[in-house]
């Protein structure tokens, strides 16, 4: 089963549109260039198989309680300081995944690191 990816509102949609626009116009430079490349690779894997081994997908209970539905975390990158993570949920429609956050890995759960993660809202159906 494949999934259609959507971007959460407003943060993720704005970020993705900005990166995509820069890519299409050839203006993608600096730290945006590797971020875009990592996002594209991660989104391709996520759309085909959210449980792909390299994504290391797992639920984040603290965020699920806060958001009101299961929030999943997948690797954007690994083995780097503050490695990027994407946060996502199933929905709002059937066979859809919505990306609701992109953050460096929250390092210290003891200090309520996940409470600092900002999540976007689901787009309307």
Protein backbone atom coordinates (compact mmCIF):
# COMPACT_ATOMS: atom_id res chain seq x y z
CA UNK A 1 0.00 0.00 0.00
CA UNK A 2 1.32 3.44 -0.82
CA UNK A 3 0.44 6.67 0.95
CA UNK A 4 -0.14 10.21 -0.22
CA UNK A 5 1.89 12.66 1.84
CA UNK A 6 0.42 15.95 2.99
CA UNK A 7 2.01 18.77 4.94
CA UNK A 8 0.64 20.01 8.25
CA UNK A 9 -0.58 23.58 8.59
CA UNK A 10 0.91 26.11 8.69
CA UNK A 11 4.55 25.35 9.56
CA UNK A 12 5.27 22.26 7.47
CA UNK A 13 3.32 23.43 4.44
CA UNK A 14 5.20 26.76 4.42
CA UNK A 15 8.59 25.08 4.83
CA UNK A 16 7.94 22.54 2.08
CA UNK A 17 6.55 25.12 -0.38
CA UNK A 18 9.55 27.38 0.22
CA UNK A 19 12.09 24.57 -0.30
CA UNK A 20 10.27 23.24 -3.35
CA UNK A 21 10.06 26.71 -4.89
CA UNK A 22 13.78 27.30 -4.36
CA UNK A 23 14.58 23.88 -5.84
CA UNK A 24 12.45 24.49 -8.94
CA UNK A 25 14.00 27.92 -9.51
CA UNK A 26 17.57 26.70 -8.94
CA UNK A 27 17.98 28.92 -5.87
CA UNK A 28 18.36 26.09 -3.35
CA UNK A 29 21.65 26.76 -1.54
CA UNK A 30 23.42 26.49 1.80
CA UNK A 31 21.83 24.30 4.48
CA UNK A 32 18.54 24.19 2.56
CA UNK A 33 20.05 22.01 -0.17
CA UNK A 34 20.96 18.96 1.97
CA UNK A 35 17.75 19.40 4.01
CA UNK A 36 15.64 19.25 0.85
CA UNK A 37 17.51 16.17 -0.38
CA UNK A 38 17.02 14.37 2.96
CA UNK A 39 13.35 15.30 3.06
CA UNK A 40 12.74 14.00 -0.47
CA UNK A 41 14.46 10.70 0.31
CA UNK A 42 12.59 10.29 3.60
CA UNK A 43 9.24 11.20 2.04
CA UNK A 44 9.74 8.63 -0.74
CA UNK A 45 10.45 5.89 1.79
CA UNK A 46 7.57 6.98 4.01
CA UNK A 47 5.08 7.02 1.13
CA UNK A 48 5.95 3.45 0.16
CA UNK A 49 6.49 1.91 3.62
CA UNK A 50 6.24 3.93 6.85
CA UNK A 51 7.91 0.99 8.64
CA UNK A 52 10.98 0.92 6.36
CA UNK A 53 14.01 -0.11 8.44
CA UNK A 54 16.06 2.98 7.69
CA UNK A 55 13.26 5.26 8.96
CA UNK A 56 13.32 3.67 12.43
CA UNK A 57 9.67 4.69 12.82
CA UNK A 58 8.19 4.58 16.30
CA UNK A 59 5.37 6.20 18.21
CA UNK A 60 6.14 9.06 20.60
CA UNK A 61 3.63 8.57 23.43
CA UNK A 62 4.12 12.03 24.91
CA UNK A 63 3.31 13.68 21.58
CA UNK A 64 0.40 11.30 20.95
CA UNK A 65 -1.19 12.31 24.26
CA UNK A 66 -0.66 16.00 23.50
CA UNK A 67 -1.87 15.81 19.87
CA UNK A 68 -4.86 13.54 20.52
CA UNK A 69 -3.87 10.79 18.09
CA UNK A 70 -0.84 8.61 17.45
CA UNK A 71 2.19 10.67 16.49
CA UNK A 72 5.04 8.81 14.84
CA UNK A 73 8.68 9.80 14.61
CA UNK A 74 10.92 8.76 11.71
CA UNK A 75 14.56 9.44 11.03
CA UNK A 76 15.44 12.18 8.57
CA UNK A 77 19.09 11.49 9.29
CA UNK A 78 21.14 9.50 11.77
CA UNK A 79 24.57 9.51 13.41
CA UNK A 80 24.90 13.28 13.32
CA UNK A 81 24.63 15.78 16.20
CA UNK A 82 20.98 16.77 16.71
CA UNK A 83 19.92 14.44 13.89
CA UNK A 84 16.71 15.55 12.20
CA UNK A 85 13.45 13.77 12.89
CA UNK A 86 10.10 14.09 11.21
CA UNK A 87 6.87 13.71 13.11
CA UNK A 88 3.76 12.51 11.35
CA UNK A 89 0.28 11.06 11.71
CA UNK A 90 -1.96 8.89 9.57
CA UNK A 91 -4.71 10.89 7.87
CA UNK A 92 -6.75 12.95 7.57
CA UNK A 93 -7.94 10.86 4.63
CA UNK A 94 -7.59 7.18 3.85
CA UNK A 95 -4.07 6.19 2.73
CA UNK A 96 -2.71 9.61 3.71
CA UNK A 97 0.16 10.60 5.97
CA UNK A 98 0.52 14.15 7.21
CA UNK A 99 3.94 15.49 8.16
CA UNK A 100 3.32 17.63 11.25
CA UNK A 101 6.84 18.41 12.41
CA UNK A 102 10.52 18.55 11.56
CA UNK A 103 12.89 18.99 14.47
CA UNK A 104 16.34 18.03 15.68
CA UNK A 105 16.17 14.91 17.82
CA UNK A 106 15.00 15.87 21.31
CA UNK A 107 17.97 14.60 23.30
CA UNK A 108 16.86 14.52 26.89
CA UNK A 109 13.50 12.99 27.74
CA UNK A 110 14.18 13.62 31.43
CA UNK A 111 13.88 17.35 30.81
CA UNK A 112 10.63 16.98 28.88
CA UNK A 113 12.34 17.45 25.53
CA UNK A 114 9.25 16.41 23.55
CA UNK A 115 7.23 19.18 25.21
CA UNK A 116 9.32 21.65 23.17
CA UNK A 117 8.49 20.01 19.81
CA UNK A 118 6.13 22.19 17.76
CA UNK A 119 3.57 20.35 15.69
CA UNK A 120 1.47 21.58 12.78
CA UNK A 121 -2.25 20.93 12.46
CA UNK A 122 -3.86 18.50 10.04
CA UNK A 123 -5.06 20.02 6.78
CA UNK A 124 -8.79 19.80 6.05
CA UNK A 125 -10.03 16.86 3.99
